[in-house]
C-alpha atoms as a PDB file:
ATOM      1  CA  ASN A   1     -75.981  39.832  62.593  1.00  0.00           C
ATOM      2  CA  GLU A   2     -73.419  38.255  60.356  1.00  0.00           C
ATOM      3  CA  ILE A   3     -71.434  40.515  58.057  1.00  0.00           C
ATOM      4  CA  THR A   4     -69.239  39.985  55.018  1.00  0.00           C
ATOM      5  CA  ILE A   5     -66.442  42.068  53.570  1.00  0.00           C
ATOM      6  CA  GLU A   6     -68.888  43.084  50.848  1.00  0.00           C
ATOM      7  CA  ASP A   7     -71.323  44.361  53.517  1.00  0.00           C
ATOM      8  CA  VAL A   8     -68.563  46.584  54.917  1.00  0.00           C
ATOM      9  CA  ARG A   9     -67.664  47.833  51.436  1.00  0.00           C
ATOM     10  CA  LYS A  10     -71.312  48.676  50.635  1.00  0.00           C
ATOM     11  CA  THR A  11     -71.766  50.463  53.963  1.00  0.00           C
ATOM     12  CA  LEU A  12     -68.689  52.614  53.352  1.00  0.00           C
ATOM     13  CA  ILE A  13     -70.075  53.550  49.924  1.00  0.00           C
ATOM     14  CA  GLU A  14     -73.492  54.411  51.434  1.00  0.00           C
ATOM     15  CA  MET A  15     -71.750  56.571  54.045  1.00  0.00           C
ATOM     16  CA  ARG A  16     -69.739  58.215  51.260  1.00  0.00           C
ATOM     17  CA  GLU A  17     -66.534  57.251  53.012  1.00  0.00           C
ATOM     18  CA  LYS A  18     -63.406  56.590  51.016  1.00  0.00           C
ATOM     19  CA  SER A  19     -61.840  53.221  51.701  1.00  0.00           C
ATOM     20  CA  SER A  20     -58.204  53.722  50.806  1.00  0.00           C
ATOM     21  CA  PHE A  21     -57.362  50.634  52.842  1.00  0.00           C
ATOM     22  CA  ASN A  22     -57.712  46.926  52.196  1.00  0.00           C
ATOM     23  CA  ILE A  23     -60.952  45.898  53.926  1.00  0.00           C
ATOM     24  CA  SER A  24     -59.878  42.248  54.102  1.00  0.00           C
ATOM     25  CA  ASP A  25     -56.716  43.211  55.978  1.00  0.00           C
ATOM     26  CA  LYS A  26     -58.699  45.333  58.445  1.00  0.00           C
ATOM     27  CA  ILE A  27     -61.144  42.466  59.066  1.00  0.00           C
ATOM     28  CA  GLN A  28     -58.201  40.144  59.764  1.00  0.00           C
ATOM     29  CA  GLN A  29     -56.759  42.677  62.223  1.00  0.00           C
ATOM     30  CA  LEU A  30     -60.103  42.910  64.021  1.00  0.00           C
ATOM     31  CA  ASP A  31     -60.182  39.105  64.183  1.00  0.00           C
ATOM     32  CA  LYS A  32     -56.678  39.008  65.708  1.00  0.00           C
ATOM     33  CA  ARG A  33     -57.694  41.606  68.309  1.00  0.00           C
ATOM     34  CA  GLY A  34     -60.774  39.559  69.188  1.00  0.00           C
ATOM     35  CA  PHE A  35     -63.344  42.102  67.985  1.00  0.00           C
ATOM     36  CA  LEU A  36     -64.716  39.833  65.233  1.00  0.00           C
ATOM     37  CA  VAL A  37     -65.033  36.073  65.018  1.00  0.00           C
ATOM     38  CA  PRO A  38     -65.492  33.957  61.874  1.00  0.00           C
ATOM     39  CA  ASN A  39     -68.910  32.355  61.540  1.00  0.00           C
ATOM     40  CA  GLY A  40     -68.774  30.039  58.529  1.00  0.00           C
ATOM     41  CA  GLN A  41     -69.496  30.867  54.919  1.00  0.00           C
ATOM     42  CA  LYS A  42     -72.478  31.777  52.799  1.00  0.00           C
ATOM     43  CA  GLU A  43     -72.357  31.771  49.003  1.00  0.00           C
ATOM     44  CA  LYS A  44     -68.552  31.362  49.170  1.00  0.00           C
ATOM     45  CA  LYS A  45     -68.203  34.509  51.305  1.00  0.00           C
ATOM     46  CA  LYS A  46     -66.740  34.349  54.799  1.00  0.00           C
ATOM     47  CA  LEU A  47     -69.166  35.467  57.499  1.00  0.00           C
ATOM     48  CA  TRP A  48     -68.146  37.399  60.601  1.00  0.00           C
ATOM     49  CA  LEU A  49     -69.809  38.166  63.926  1.00  0.00           C
ATOM     50  CA  ILE A  50     -68.949  40.950  66.330  1.00  0.00           C
ATOM     51  CA  SER A  51     -67.618  39.332  69.499  1.00  0.00           C
ATOM     52  CA  ASN A  52     -68.571  40.357  73.027  1.00  0.00           C
ATOM     53  CA  ARG A  53     -65.236  42.151  73.247  1.00  0.00           C
ATOM     54  CA  GLY A  54     -66.060  43.991  70.008  1.00  0.00           C
ATOM     55  CA  LEU A  55     -69.496  44.976  71.318  1.00  0.00           C
ATOM     56  CA  GLU A  56     -67.958  46.331  74.531  1.00  0.00           C
ATOM     57  CA  PHE A  57     -65.476  48.344  72.472  1.00  0.00           C
ATOM     58  CA  LEU A  58     -68.277  49.808  70.327  1.00  0.00           C
ATOM     59  CA  ARG A  59     -70.317  50.681  73.414  1.00  0.00           C
ATOM     60  CA  GLY A  60     -67.287  52.519  74.793  1.00  0.00           C
ATOM     61  CA  LEU A  61     -66.937  54.487  71.554  1.00  0.00           C
ATOM     62  CA  LYS A  62     -70.625  55.379  71.689  1.00  0.00           C
ATOM     63  CA  GLU A  63     -70.360  56.552  75.292  1.00  0.00           C
ATOM     64  CA  ASN A  64     -67.295  58.670  74.532  1.00  0.00           C
ATOM     65  CA  ALA A  65     -69.062  60.231  71.527  1.00  0.00           C
ATOM     66  CA  ARG A  66     -71.906  61.380  73.796  1.00  0.00           C
ATOM     67  CA  ARG A  67     -69.520  63.351  76.038  1.00  0.00           C
END
């Protein structure tokens, strides 16, 4: 699924997590590391997809959390 910076912000609020960081900067860092890729725009908001590399990273986190 495509995500926006606003989606990330809303999810952090729902999880009751404090976001003392700039979400846009973090998204850009994930893009540079190849974990996210831009996927156009919708309603003037940039859309992002999790790349295969990002999915592999998340799977690794999930596996480590089970141990």
